[in-house]
Amino acid sequence: MPSLHRLTGLLAAVALSSASCGVIAAPMTVLPREAGGSRALSASGAFSPHEPGMDHHGIARTLRDLHTGLLPAEIEHVSRVIIAEARRANLSPALVLAVIRVESSGYNFARSHKGALGLMQLLPDTGAWVAKRTGIPWHGPDTLFDSGTNVRLGIAYLEQLIRRYGSVHTALAAYNWGPTKISRFIRNGQPVPAVYADRVLDTYGAVVGRRV
């Protein structure tokens, strides 16, 4: 696994064409900010959504190389959602794609042993919580098997975690471990677990073709 000293603050976004898909209209709930994480990056500016070299066709090509279980039209749609929602959240679409690859290997119908569902592997309780606060329609756990909705919810959740912790690395750890556990680590002066976040960031580096 990679060292914690390899991130140098890049993680810029993939430049992507604008998309005509629905975006979250409701304002995000800004959670209290907490310090933590050895790869600390500010929530704003860490992921400029305009890195040259990729558009939504590139996202779609990457997804087509994975076993998504989606039809071609669905892959095209979710690629546009990734772009639009990442831009709305001022995040890199390549980072979102990295989370998808680590969480589900791109398989839309993935189900973890803990009950996390879909591309970004959200627990139903988490999905319902984010949906309520963002105005995204929620129709029960199977909502998370709708690829576009899953991505919208996953990006909104990651955005809130970055706002809370002020660190992309810590936010990724919280995405995996849950914010309650990560906040407890921080309060107790314990190191934030790094393996998952490092894996996502290494995958991001592979997506954009450079070392992180």
N, C-alpha and C. Protein backbone atom coordinates (compact mmCIF):
# COMPACT_ATOMS: atom_id res chain seq x y z
N MET A 1 0.83 -1.19 0.00
CA MET A 1 0.00 0.00 0.00
C MET A 1 0.87 1.25 0.00
N PRO A 2 0.41 2.35 -0.56
CA PRO A 2 1.23 3.53 -0.68
C PRO A 2 1.47 4.21 0.64
N SER A 3 2.55 4.99 0.68
CA SER A 3 2.87 5.79 1.85
C SER A 3 1.93 6.97 1.95
N LEU A 4 1.80 7.50 3.17
CA LEU A 4 0.97 8.69 3.40
C LEU A 4 1.64 9.97 2.95
N HIS A 5 2.88 9.88 2.47
CA HIS A 5 3.62 11.11 2.15
C HIS A 5 3.69 11.37 0.66
N ARG A 6 2.83 10.70 -0.12
CA ARG A 6 2.97 10.81 -1.56
C ARG A 6 2.05 11.83 -2.19
N LEU A 7 1.02 12.23 -1.49
CA LEU A 7 0.09 13.20 -2.09
C LEU A 7 0.66 14.59 -2.01
N THR A 8 0.73 15.30 -3.10
CA THR A 8 1.33 16.64 -3.14
C THR A 8 0.32 17.71 -3.43
N GLY A 9 -0.94 17.40 -3.26
CA GLY A 9 -1.96 18.44 -3.39
C GLY A 9 -2.52 18.60 -4.77
N LEU A 10 -2.31 17.59 -5.67
CA LEU A 10 -2.91 17.80 -6.98
C LEU A 10 -4.37 17.37 -6.96
N LEU A 11 -4.70 16.23 -7.49
CA LEU A 11 -6.09 15.81 -7.56
C LEU A 11 -6.96 16.87 -8.23
N ALA A 12 -6.49 17.40 -9.33
CA ALA A 12 -7.32 18.32 -10.09
C ALA A 12 -8.35 17.55 -10.86
N ALA A 13 -9.37 18.20 -11.35
CA ALA A 13 -10.47 17.49 -12.00
C ALA A 13 -10.21 17.23 -13.45
N VAL A 14 -10.95 16.28 -13.97
CA VAL A 14 -10.94 16.03 -15.39
C VAL A 14 -11.85 17.05 -16.05
N ALA A 15 -11.34 17.72 -17.11
CA ALA A 15 -12.19 18.69 -17.79
C ALA A 15 -13.21 17.95 -18.62
N LEU A 16 -14.46 18.27 -18.42
CA LEU A 16 -15.52 17.51 -19.03
C LEU A 16 -16.58 18.45 -19.58
N SER A 17 -17.21 18.01 -20.66
CA SER A 17 -18.23 18.84 -21.25
C SER A 17 -19.45 18.92 -20.38
N SER A 18 -20.21 19.99 -20.47
CA SER A 18 -21.37 20.18 -19.63
C SER A 18 -22.42 19.17 -20.00
N ALA A 19 -23.23 18.81 -19.00
CA ALA A 19 -24.21 17.77 -19.21
C ALA A 19 -25.60 18.28 -18.95
N SER A 20 -26.54 17.67 -19.63
CA SER A 20 -27.92 18.08 -19.48
C SER A 20 -28.68 17.11 -18.61
N CYS A 21 -28.13 16.80 -17.45
CA CYS A 21 -28.84 15.93 -16.54
C CYS A 21 -29.20 16.72 -15.30
N GLY A 22 -30.12 16.18 -14.50
CA GLY A 22 -30.57 16.90 -13.33
C GLY A 22 -29.47 17.01 -12.31
N VAL A 23 -29.40 18.15 -11.64
CA VAL A 23 -28.43 18.34 -10.59
C VAL A 23 -29.17 18.64 -9.31
N ILE A 24 -28.47 18.54 -8.21
CA ILE A 24 -29.09 18.76 -6.92
C ILE A 24 -29.46 20.22 -6.79
N ALA A 25 -30.73 20.47 -6.55
CA ALA A 25 -31.19 21.85 -6.47
C ALA A 25 -31.21 22.36 -5.04
N ALA A 26 -31.43 21.46 -4.10
CA ALA A 26 -31.52 21.89 -2.71
C ALA A 26 -30.15 22.23 -2.17
N PRO A 27 -30.05 23.23 -1.28
CA PRO A 27 -28.74 23.59 -0.72
C PRO A 27 -28.22 22.47 0.17
N MET A 28 -26.89 22.32 0.14
CA MET A 28 -26.27 21.29 0.95
C MET A 28 -26.23 21.72 2.41
N THR A 29 -26.36 20.76 3.30
CA THR A 29 -26.18 21.01 4.72
C THR A 29 -24.69 21.02 5.01
N VAL A 30 -24.16 22.13 5.47
CA VAL A 30 -22.74 22.22 5.77
C VAL A 30 -22.51 21.69 7.17
N LEU A 31 -21.78 20.60 7.28
CA LEU A 31 -21.52 19.98 8.56
C LEU A 31 -20.36 20.67 9.25
N PRO A 32 -20.27 20.56 10.58
CA PRO A 32 -19.16 21.18 11.30
C PRO A 32 -17.83 20.67 10.79
N ARG A 33 -16.87 21.55 10.66
CA ARG A 33 -15.57 21.18 10.14
C ARG A 33 -14.70 20.62 11.24
N GLU A 34 -14.02 19.53 10.94
CA GLU A 34 -13.13 18.90 11.90
C GLU A 34 -11.78 18.69 11.24
N ALA A 35 -10.73 18.93 11.98
CA ALA A 35 -9.39 18.73 11.43
C ALA A 35 -9.05 17.26 11.43
N GLY A 36 -8.06 16.90 10.63
CA GLY A 36 -7.59 15.52 10.67
C GLY A 36 -7.12 15.05 9.32
N GLY A 37 -6.28 14.02 9.35
CA GLY A 37 -5.83 13.41 8.10
C GLY A 37 -4.44 13.87 7.75
N SER A 38 -3.57 12.92 7.45
CA SER A 38 -2.19 13.26 7.15
C SER A 38 -2.03 13.78 5.74
N ARG A 39 -3.01 13.52 4.87
CA ARG A 39 -2.98 14.07 3.52
C ARG A 39 -3.98 15.21 3.45
N ALA A 40 -3.85 16.15 4.34
CA ALA A 40 -4.84 17.22 4.42
C ALA A 40 -4.85 18.06 3.16
N LEU A 41 -6.05 18.26 2.62
CA LEU A 41 -6.26 19.14 1.47
C LEU A 41 -7.47 19.99 1.79
N SER A 42 -7.44 21.24 1.41
CA SER A 42 -8.60 22.08 1.68
C SER A 42 -9.77 21.60 0.86
N ALA A 43 -10.99 21.82 1.38
CA ALA A 43 -12.19 21.39 0.68
C ALA A 43 -12.39 22.19 -0.59
N SER A 44 -11.96 23.45 -0.59
CA SER A 44 -12.12 24.27 -1.79
C SER A 44 -10.79 24.38 -2.51
N GLY A 45 -10.82 24.17 -3.81
CA GLY A 45 -9.61 24.35 -4.59
C GLY A 45 -8.77 23.10 -4.75
N ALA A 46 -9.03 22.05 -3.95
CA ALA A 46 -8.24 20.84 -4.08
C ALA A 46 -8.56 20.10 -5.36
N PHE A 47 -9.78 20.25 -5.84
CA PHE A 47 -10.23 19.56 -7.03
C PHE A 47 -10.81 20.56 -8.01
N SER A 48 -9.99 21.23 -8.75
CA SER A 48 -10.51 22.08 -9.80
C SER A 48 -11.21 21.21 -10.82
N PRO A 49 -12.43 21.55 -11.22
CA PRO A 49 -13.15 20.67 -12.15
C PRO A 49 -12.78 20.89 -13.60
N HIS A 50 -11.57 21.33 -13.88
CA HIS A 50 -11.20 21.63 -15.26
C HIS A 50 -9.77 21.19 -15.56
N GLU A 51 -9.54 19.91 -15.57
CA GLU A 51 -8.25 19.37 -15.98
C GLU A 51 -8.38 18.89 -17.42
N PRO A 52 -7.53 19.35 -18.31
CA PRO A 52 -7.67 18.96 -19.71
C PRO A 52 -7.37 17.49 -19.93
N GLY A 53 -7.96 16.96 -20.99
CA GLY A 53 -7.59 15.61 -21.39
C GLY A 53 -8.70 14.59 -21.35
N MET A 54 -9.90 14.99 -20.89
CA MET A 54 -10.97 14.02 -20.80
C MET A 54 -12.30 14.73 -20.84
N ASP A 55 -13.28 14.12 -21.54
CA ASP A 55 -14.64 14.62 -21.49
C ASP A 55 -15.55 13.46 -21.09
N HIS A 56 -16.86 13.66 -21.19
CA HIS A 56 -17.74 12.60 -20.73
C HIS A 56 -17.59 11.33 -21.57
N HIS A 57 -17.10 11.47 -22.79
CA HIS A 57 -16.85 10.29 -23.61
C HIS A 57 -15.74 9.44 -22.98
N GLY A 58 -14.76 10.11 -22.38
CA GLY A 58 -13.68 9.38 -21.70
C GLY A 58 -14.19 8.63 -20.49
N ILE A 59 -15.07 9.28 -19.70
CA ILE A 59 -15.68 8.59 -18.57
C ILE A 59 -16.46 7.38 -19.06
N ALA A 60 -17.24 7.57 -20.13
CA ALA A 60 -18.04 6.47 -20.67
C ALA A 60 -17.15 5.33 -21.16
N ARG A 61 -16.03 5.67 -21.81
CA ARG A 61 -15.11 4.63 -22.29
C ARG A 61 -14.58 3.81 -21.11
N THR A 62 -14.22 4.51 -20.05
CA THR A 62 -13.70 3.81 -18.87
C THR A 62 -14.76 2.87 -18.30
N LEU A 63 -15.98 3.36 -18.19
CA LEU A 63 -17.05 2.53 -17.64
C LEU A 63 -17.36 1.33 -18.55
N ARG A 64 -17.26 1.54 -19.86
CA ARG A 64 -17.52 0.43 -20.78
C ARG A 64 -16.47 -0.67 -20.64
N ASP A 65 -15.29 -0.31 -20.16
CA ASP A 65 -14.24 -1.31 -19.96
C ASP A 65 -14.47 -2.13 -18.69
N LEU A 66 -15.41 -1.69 -17.86
CA LEU A 66 -15.72 -2.38 -16.61
C LEU A 66 -16.99 -3.21 -16.80
N HIS A 67 -17.20 -4.12 -15.90
CA HIS A 67 -18.42 -4.94 -15.94
C HIS A 67 -19.50 -4.19 -15.15
N THR A 68 -20.16 -3.23 -15.80
CA THR A 68 -21.11 -2.37 -15.10
C THR A 68 -22.49 -3.00 -14.96
N GLY A 69 -22.87 -3.88 -15.89
CA GLY A 69 -24.22 -4.38 -15.90
C GLY A 69 -25.22 -3.39 -16.47
N LEU A 70 -24.72 -2.30 -17.05
CA LEU A 70 -25.58 -1.25 -17.59
C LEU A 70 -25.66 -1.32 -19.11
N LEU A 71 -26.75 -0.85 -19.66
CA LEU A 71 -26.90 -0.72 -21.10
C LEU A 71 -26.07 0.45 -21.60
N PRO A 72 -25.71 0.48 -22.88
CA PRO A 72 -24.92 1.60 -23.40
C PRO A 72 -25.53 2.97 -23.12
N ALA A 73 -26.83 3.10 -23.26
CA ALA A 73 -27.48 4.39 -22.99
C ALA A 73 -27.37 4.76 -21.52
N GLU A 74 -27.41 3.75 -20.64
CA GLU A 74 -27.29 4.02 -19.21
C GLU A 74 -25.87 4.46 -18.86
N ILE A 75 -24.88 3.85 -19.51
CA ILE A 75 -23.50 4.27 -19.29
C ILE A 75 -23.31 5.72 -19.73
N GLU A 76 -23.86 6.07 -20.88
CA GLU A 76 -23.77 7.45 -21.36
C GLU A 76 -24.41 8.40 -20.37
N HIS A 77 -25.58 8.01 -19.85
CA HIS A 77 -26.29 8.88 -18.90
C HIS A 77 -25.50 9.07 -17.61
N VAL A 78 -25.02 7.97 -17.02
CA VAL A 78 -24.32 8.11 -15.75
C VAL A 78 -23.00 8.85 -15.93
N SER A 79 -22.38 8.75 -17.11
CA SER A 79 -21.16 9.52 -17.36
C SER A 79 -21.45 11.01 -17.31
N ARG A 80 -22.58 11.40 -17.87
CA ARG A 80 -22.96 12.82 -17.85
C ARG A 80 -23.33 13.26 -16.43
N VAL A 81 -23.93 12.36 -15.67
CA VAL A 81 -24.25 12.69 -14.27
C VAL A 81 -22.97 12.90 -13.47
N ILE A 82 -22.00 12.03 -13.67
CA ILE A 82 -20.72 12.18 -12.96
C ILE A 82 -20.13 13.55 -13.24
N ILE A 83 -20.15 13.97 -14.49
CA ILE A 83 -19.59 15.26 -14.85
C ILE A 83 -20.36 16.39 -14.19
N ALA A 84 -21.67 16.39 -14.37
CA ALA A 84 -22.49 17.49 -13.88
C ALA A 84 -22.43 17.62 -12.36
N GLU A 85 -22.54 16.49 -11.67
CA GLU A 85 -22.57 16.54 -10.21
C GLU A 85 -21.19 16.84 -9.62
N ALA A 86 -20.14 16.31 -10.23
CA ALA A 86 -18.80 16.63 -9.76
C ALA A 86 -18.52 18.11 -9.93
N ARG A 87 -18.92 18.68 -11.06
CA ARG A 87 -18.72 20.11 -11.27
C ARG A 87 -19.52 20.93 -10.26
N ARG A 88 -20.75 20.50 -10.00
CA ARG A 88 -21.57 21.22 -9.03
C ARG A 88 -20.88 21.24 -7.66
N ALA A 89 -20.28 20.12 -7.30
CA ALA A 89 -19.62 20.00 -6.00
C ALA A 89 -18.17 20.48 -6.02
N ASN A 90 -17.69 20.98 -7.17
CA ASN A 90 -16.31 21.40 -7.33
C ASN A 90 -15.34 20.26 -7.01
N LEU A 91 -15.69 19.08 -7.50
CA LEU A 91 -14.85 17.90 -7.33
C LEU A 91 -14.39 17.40 -8.69
N SER A 92 -13.36 16.61 -8.67
CA SER A 92 -12.87 15.99 -9.89
C SER A 92 -13.74 14.81 -10.29
N PRO A 93 -14.27 14.79 -11.51
CA PRO A 93 -14.97 13.59 -11.97
C PRO A 93 -14.08 12.36 -11.94
N ALA A 94 -12.77 12.54 -12.12
CA ALA A 94 -11.85 11.41 -12.04
C ALA A 94 -11.78 10.85 -10.63
N LEU A 95 -11.91 11.70 -9.61
CA LEU A 95 -11.95 11.21 -8.24
C LEU A 95 -13.21 10.39 -8.02
N VAL A 96 -14.33 10.88 -8.53
CA VAL A 96 -15.59 10.12 -8.41
C VAL A 96 -15.44 8.76 -9.08
N LEU A 97 -14.85 8.75 -10.26
CA LEU A 97 -14.65 7.49 -10.98
C LEU A 97 -13.74 6.56 -10.18
N ALA A 98 -12.73 7.14 -9.50
CA ALA A 98 -11.84 6.32 -8.67
C ALA A 98 -12.60 5.69 -7.51
N VAL A 99 -13.48 6.45 -6.88
CA VAL A 99 -14.29 5.89 -5.79
C VAL A 99 -15.15 4.75 -6.32
N ILE A 100 -15.76 4.95 -7.49
CA ILE A 100 -16.59 3.91 -8.09
C ILE A 100 -15.78 2.64 -8.34
N ARG A 101 -14.59 2.81 -8.87
CA ARG A 101 -13.76 1.63 -9.19
C ARG A 101 -13.35 0.89 -7.92
N VAL A 102 -13.01 1.63 -6.87
CA VAL A 102 -12.60 0.98 -5.63
C VAL A 102 -13.80 0.36 -4.93
N GLU A 103 -14.92 1.06 -4.91
CA GLU A 103 -16.08 0.60 -4.15
C GLU A 103 -16.77 -0.60 -4.80
N SER A 104 -17.02 -0.53 -6.08
CA SER A 104 -17.86 -1.53 -6.73
C SER A 104 -17.23 -2.17 -7.96
N SER A 105 -16.01 -1.78 -8.30
CA SER A 105 -15.38 -2.18 -9.57
C SER A 105 -16.24 -1.79 -10.76
N GLY A 106 -17.11 -0.79 -10.55
CA GLY A 106 -17.95 -0.30 -11.63
C GLY A 106 -19.21 -1.11 -11.85
N TYR A 107 -19.49 -2.10 -11.00
CA TYR A 107 -20.68 -2.94 -11.19
C TYR A 107 -21.89 -2.28 -10.53
N ASN A 108 -22.86 -1.91 -11.33
CA ASN A 108 -24.00 -1.14 -10.85
C ASN A 108 -24.83 -1.88 -9.80
N PHE A 109 -24.84 -3.19 -9.84
CA PHE A 109 -25.69 -3.96 -8.95
C PHE A 109 -24.92 -4.61 -7.81
N ALA A 110 -23.76 -4.05 -7.51
CA ALA A 110 -22.94 -4.57 -6.42
C ALA A 110 -23.67 -4.42 -5.08
N ARG A 111 -23.49 -5.41 -4.24
CA ARG A 111 -24.08 -5.41 -2.90
C ARG A 111 -23.02 -5.95 -1.94
N SER A 112 -22.61 -5.15 -0.97
CA SER A 112 -21.57 -5.59 -0.03
C SER A 112 -22.17 -6.45 1.07
N HIS A 113 -21.30 -7.10 1.83
CA HIS A 113 -21.77 -7.94 2.93
C HIS A 113 -22.40 -7.10 4.04
N LYS A 114 -22.13 -5.79 4.04
CA LYS A 114 -22.74 -4.89 5.01
C LYS A 114 -24.02 -4.25 4.49
N GLY A 115 -24.35 -4.54 3.23
CA GLY A 115 -25.59 -4.01 2.67
C GLY A 115 -25.45 -2.76 1.86
N ALA A 116 -24.21 -2.32 1.59
CA ALA A 116 -24.01 -1.15 0.74
C ALA A 116 -24.33 -1.53 -0.70
N LEU A 117 -24.91 -0.59 -1.44
CA LEU A 117 -25.47 -0.90 -2.75
C LEU A 117 -24.96 0.03 -3.85
N GLY A 118 -24.86 -0.53 -5.05
CA GLY A 118 -24.66 0.28 -6.24
C GLY A 118 -23.24 0.72 -6.51
N LEU A 119 -23.11 1.62 -7.48
CA LEU A 119 -21.80 2.05 -7.97
C LEU A 119 -20.92 2.63 -6.87
N MET A 120 -21.49 3.51 -6.03
CA MET A 120 -20.69 4.16 -5.00
C MET A 120 -20.91 3.53 -3.64
N GLN A 121 -21.59 2.37 -3.60
CA GLN A 121 -21.70 1.53 -2.41
C GLN A 121 -22.17 2.32 -1.18
N LEU A 122 -23.36 2.88 -1.29
CA LEU A 122 -23.97 3.58 -0.17
C LEU A 122 -24.87 2.64 0.61
N LEU A 123 -24.85 2.76 1.92
CA LEU A 123 -25.83 2.07 2.75
C LEU A 123 -27.19 2.73 2.55
N PRO A 124 -28.27 1.96 2.57
CA PRO A 124 -29.59 2.57 2.40
C PRO A 124 -29.89 3.70 3.39
N ASP A 125 -29.49 3.54 4.65
CA ASP A 125 -29.73 4.60 5.63
C ASP A 125 -29.01 5.89 5.24
N THR A 126 -27.78 5.74 4.76
CA THR A 126 -27.01 6.90 4.32
C THR A 126 -27.66 7.52 3.10
N GLY A 127 -28.06 6.69 2.14
CA GLY A 127 -28.72 7.19 0.95
C GLY A 127 -29.98 7.96 1.27
N ALA A 128 -30.80 7.42 2.17
CA ALA A 128 -32.04 8.09 2.55
C ALA A 128 -31.75 9.41 3.25
N TRP A 129 -30.72 9.44 4.10
CA TRP A 129 -30.35 10.66 4.83
C TRP A 129 -29.91 11.75 3.87
N VAL A 130 -29.04 11.39 2.91
CA VAL A 130 -28.56 12.38 1.94
C VAL A 130 -29.71 12.84 1.04
N ALA A 131 -30.55 11.90 0.62
CA ALA A 131 -31.67 12.25 -0.25
C ALA A 131 -32.59 13.26 0.43
N LYS A 132 -32.87 13.06 1.69
CA LYS A 132 -33.75 13.96 2.43
C LYS A 132 -33.19 15.37 2.49
N ARG A 133 -31.88 15.48 2.62
CA ARG A 133 -31.25 16.79 2.77
C ARG A 133 -30.94 17.47 1.45
N THR A 134 -31.04 16.75 0.37
CA THR A 134 -30.71 17.33 -0.94
C THR A 134 -31.91 17.42 -1.87
N GLY A 135 -33.01 16.81 -1.48
CA GLY A 135 -34.18 16.84 -2.33
C GLY A 135 -34.15 15.83 -3.46
N ILE A 136 -33.24 14.89 -3.40
CA ILE A 136 -33.18 13.84 -4.42
C ILE A 136 -34.28 12.81 -4.10
N PRO A 137 -35.10 12.45 -5.08
CA PRO A 137 -36.17 11.48 -4.81
C PRO A 137 -35.63 10.16 -4.26
N TRP A 138 -36.30 9.64 -3.25
CA TRP A 138 -35.90 8.39 -2.62
C TRP A 138 -37.10 7.46 -2.58
N HIS A 139 -36.91 6.25 -3.10
CA HIS A 139 -38.00 5.28 -3.17
C HIS A 139 -37.59 3.96 -2.53
N GLY A 140 -36.83 4.06 -1.48
CA GLY A 140 -36.36 2.86 -0.80
C GLY A 140 -35.00 2.42 -1.28
N PRO A 141 -34.45 1.35 -0.68
CA PRO A 141 -33.08 0.91 -0.99
C PRO A 141 -32.80 0.68 -2.47
N ASP A 142 -33.79 0.21 -3.22
CA ASP A 142 -33.56 -0.07 -4.64
C ASP A 142 -33.25 1.19 -5.43
N THR A 143 -33.52 2.36 -4.83
CA THR A 143 -33.12 3.62 -5.47
C THR A 143 -31.63 3.62 -5.79
N LEU A 144 -30.86 2.94 -4.95
CA LEU A 144 -29.40 2.94 -5.11
C LEU A 144 -28.93 2.10 -6.29
N PHE A 145 -29.83 1.34 -6.90
CA PHE A 145 -29.47 0.62 -8.11
C PHE A 145 -29.77 1.43 -9.38
N ASP A 146 -30.33 2.62 -9.20
CA ASP A 146 -30.42 3.56 -10.31
C ASP A 146 -29.07 4.28 -10.38
N SER A 147 -28.33 4.06 -11.44
CA SER A 147 -26.94 4.51 -11.49
C SER A 147 -26.81 6.02 -11.34
N GLY A 148 -27.67 6.77 -12.00
CA GLY A 148 -27.59 8.22 -11.91
C GLY A 148 -27.87 8.71 -10.51
N THR A 149 -28.91 8.16 -9.87
CA THR A 149 -29.25 8.58 -8.51
C THR A 149 -28.17 8.17 -7.53
N ASN A 150 -27.62 6.98 -7.69
CA ASN A 150 -26.54 6.53 -6.81
C ASN A 150 -25.36 7.49 -6.86
N VAL A 151 -25.00 7.90 -8.06
CA VAL A 151 -23.87 8.82 -8.21
C VAL A 151 -24.19 10.18 -7.62
N ARG A 152 -25.39 10.67 -7.84
CA ARG A 152 -25.78 11.96 -7.26
C ARG A 152 -25.68 11.92 -5.74
N LEU A 153 -26.20 10.86 -5.15
CA LEU A 153 -26.16 10.73 -3.70
C LEU A 153 -24.73 10.55 -3.20
N GLY A 154 -23.94 9.73 -3.89
CA GLY A 154 -22.56 9.49 -3.46
C GLY A 154 -21.71 10.74 -3.52
N ILE A 155 -21.87 11.52 -4.58
CA ILE A 155 -21.10 12.76 -4.70
C ILE A 155 -21.55 13.76 -3.64
N ALA A 156 -22.85 13.86 -3.41
CA ALA A 156 -23.35 14.77 -2.38
C ALA A 156 -22.83 14.39 -1.00
N TYR A 157 -22.76 13.09 -0.73
CA TYR A 157 -22.26 12.63 0.56
C TYR A 157 -20.77 12.93 0.70
N LEU A 158 -20.00 12.65 -0.33
CA LEU A 158 -18.57 12.94 -0.29
C LEU A 158 -18.33 14.44 -0.14
N GLU A 159 -19.13 15.24 -0.82
CA GLU A 159 -19.00 16.70 -0.70
C GLU A 159 -19.21 17.14 0.74
N GLN A 160 -20.24 16.58 1.39
CA GLN A 160 -20.50 16.96 2.78
C GLN A 160 -19.36 16.54 3.69
N LEU A 161 -18.79 15.37 3.44
CA LEU A 161 -17.67 14.91 4.27
C LEU A 161 -16.44 15.79 4.09
N ILE A 162 -16.18 16.24 2.87
CA ILE A 162 -15.05 17.14 2.64
C ILE A 162 -15.28 18.46 3.36
N ARG A 163 -16.50 18.97 3.32
CA ARG A 163 -16.81 20.21 4.05
C ARG A 163 -16.62 20.01 5.55
N ARG A 164 -16.99 18.84 6.03
CA ARG A 164 -16.90 18.59 7.47
C ARG A 164 -15.47 18.51 7.95
N TYR A 165 -14.63 17.80 7.20
CA TYR A 165 -13.28 17.54 7.69
C TYR A 165 -12.23 18.47 7.09
N GLY A 166 -12.55 19.16 6.00
CA GLY A 166 -11.58 20.04 5.38
C GLY A 166 -10.39 19.31 4.80
N SER A 167 -10.54 18.03 4.53
CA SER A 167 -9.45 17.20 4.03
C SER A 167 -10.04 16.11 3.15
N VAL A 168 -9.57 16.02 1.92
CA VAL A 168 -10.06 14.99 1.03
C VAL A 168 -9.70 13.60 1.56
N HIS A 169 -8.49 13.45 2.05
CA HIS A 169 -8.04 12.16 2.55
C HIS A 169 -8.90 11.71 3.73
N THR A 170 -9.16 12.62 4.68
CA THR A 170 -9.98 12.27 5.83
C THR A 170 -11.41 12.01 5.41
N ALA A 171 -11.91 12.79 4.46
CA ALA A 171 -13.27 12.57 3.96
C ALA A 171 -13.41 11.20 3.32
N LEU A 172 -12.41 10.78 2.57
CA LEU A 172 -12.45 9.45 1.97
C LEU A 172 -12.43 8.36 3.05
N ALA A 173 -11.63 8.56 4.08
CA ALA A 173 -11.63 7.60 5.19
C ALA A 173 -13.00 7.51 5.83
N ALA A 174 -13.65 8.67 6.00
CA ALA A 174 -14.98 8.69 6.60
C ALA A 174 -16.01 8.05 5.68
N TYR A 175 -15.83 8.20 4.38
CA TYR A 175 -16.72 7.56 3.41
C TYR A 175 -16.69 6.05 3.60
N ASN A 176 -15.52 5.54 3.91
CA ASN A 176 -15.33 4.10 4.08
C ASN A 176 -15.67 3.61 5.49
N TRP A 177 -15.18 4.30 6.50
CA TRP A 177 -15.33 3.87 7.88
C TRP A 177 -16.61 4.39 8.53
N GLY A 178 -17.12 5.51 8.00
CA GLY A 178 -18.23 6.20 8.64
C GLY A 178 -17.71 7.38 9.44
N PRO A 179 -18.38 8.52 9.38
CA PRO A 179 -17.89 9.72 10.06
C PRO A 179 -17.85 9.59 11.58
N THR A 180 -18.73 8.80 12.17
CA THR A 180 -18.71 8.65 13.63
C THR A 180 -17.38 8.07 14.10
N LYS A 181 -16.92 7.03 13.43
CA LYS A 181 -15.65 6.41 13.82
C LYS A 181 -14.47 7.33 13.55
N ILE A 182 -14.49 8.00 12.40
CA ILE A 182 -13.37 8.88 12.06
C ILE A 182 -13.29 10.05 13.04
N SER A 183 -14.43 10.62 13.39
CA SER A 183 -14.42 11.73 14.36
C SER A 183 -13.91 11.26 15.72
N ARG A 184 -14.22 10.02 16.07
CA ARG A 184 -13.72 9.48 17.34
C ARG A 184 -12.20 9.33 17.29
N PHE A 185 -11.68 8.85 16.17
CA PHE A 185 -10.22 8.75 16.02
C PHE A 185 -9.58 10.13 16.22
N ILE A 186 -10.16 11.14 15.58
CA ILE A 186 -9.59 12.49 15.65
C ILE A 186 -9.65 13.03 17.07
N ARG A 187 -10.81 12.87 17.72
CA ARG A 187 -10.95 13.36 19.10
C ARG A 187 -9.95 12.71 20.04
N ASN A 188 -9.68 11.43 19.80
CA ASN A 188 -8.77 10.69 20.68
C ASN A 188 -7.31 10.83 20.29
N GLY A 189 -7.04 11.64 19.25
CA GLY A 189 -5.66 11.84 18.83
C GLY A 189 -5.07 10.63 18.12
N GLN A 190 -5.91 9.75 17.61
CA GLN A 190 -5.44 8.56 16.89
C GLN A 190 -5.29 8.87 15.41
N PRO A 191 -4.41 8.17 14.73
CA PRO A 191 -4.26 8.39 13.30
C PRO A 191 -5.51 7.96 12.54
N VAL A 192 -5.84 8.71 11.51
CA VAL A 192 -6.97 8.36 10.67
C VAL A 192 -6.55 7.20 9.77
N PRO A 193 -7.33 6.13 9.69
CA PRO A 193 -6.97 5.01 8.80
C PRO A 193 -6.73 5.49 7.38
N ALA A 194 -5.68 4.96 6.76
CA ALA A 194 -5.23 5.51 5.48
C ALA A 194 -5.38 4.57 4.29
N VAL A 195 -5.58 3.28 4.53
CA VAL A 195 -5.48 2.32 3.44
C VAL A 195 -6.52 2.60 2.36
N TYR A 196 -7.77 2.78 2.74
CA TYR A 196 -8.82 3.00 1.74
C TYR A 196 -8.58 4.29 0.97
N ALA A 197 -8.32 5.38 1.69
CA ALA A 197 -8.12 6.67 1.02
C ALA A 197 -6.93 6.61 0.08
N ASP A 198 -5.85 5.98 0.51
CA ASP A 198 -4.68 5.84 -0.35
C ASP A 198 -5.01 5.04 -1.61
N ARG A 199 -5.81 4.01 -1.45
CA ARG A 199 -6.19 3.20 -2.60
C ARG A 199 -7.00 4.02 -3.60
N VAL A 200 -7.94 4.83 -3.10
CA VAL A 200 -8.73 5.69 -4.00
C VAL A 200 -7.83 6.69 -4.71
N LEU A 201 -6.91 7.30 -3.98
CA LEU A 201 -6.04 8.31 -4.57
C LEU A 201 -5.08 7.69 -5.58
N ASP A 202 -4.61 6.48 -5.32
CA ASP A 202 -3.77 5.79 -6.31
C ASP A 202 -4.58 5.46 -7.56
N THR A 203 -5.83 5.07 -7.37
CA THR A 203 -6.71 4.79 -8.51
C THR A 203 -6.97 6.06 -9.29
N TYR A 204 -7.17 7.16 -8.58
CA TYR A 204 -7.32 8.46 -9.24
C TYR A 204 -6.09 8.75 -10.10
N GLY A 205 -4.90 8.52 -9.54
CA GLY A 205 -3.68 8.77 -10.29
C GLY A 205 -3.61 7.94 -11.56
N ALA A 206 -4.11 6.69 -11.48
CA ALA A 206 -4.13 5.85 -12.67
C ALA A 206 -5.13 6.37 -13.70
N VAL A 207 -6.26 6.88 -13.22
CA VAL A 207 -7.29 7.41 -14.13
C VAL A 207 -6.77 8.59 -14.92
N VAL A 208 -6.08 9.51 -14.22
CA VAL A 208 -5.60 10.72 -14.90
C VAL A 208 -4.20 10.53 -15.48
N GLY A 209 -3.60 9.37 -15.23
CA GLY A 209 -2.33 9.05 -15.86
C GLY A 209 -1.13 9.69 -15.22
N ARG A 210 -1.21 9.91 -13.91
CA ARG A 210 -0.03 10.45 -13.23
C ARG A 210 -0.02 9.97 -11.79
N ARG A 211 1.14 10.02 -11.22
CA ARG A 211 1.36 9.50 -9.85
C ARG A 211 0.86 10.51 -8.84
N VAL A 212 0.15 10.01 -7.82
CA VAL A 212 -0.38 10.87 -6.75
C VAL A 212 0.42 10.64 -5.48
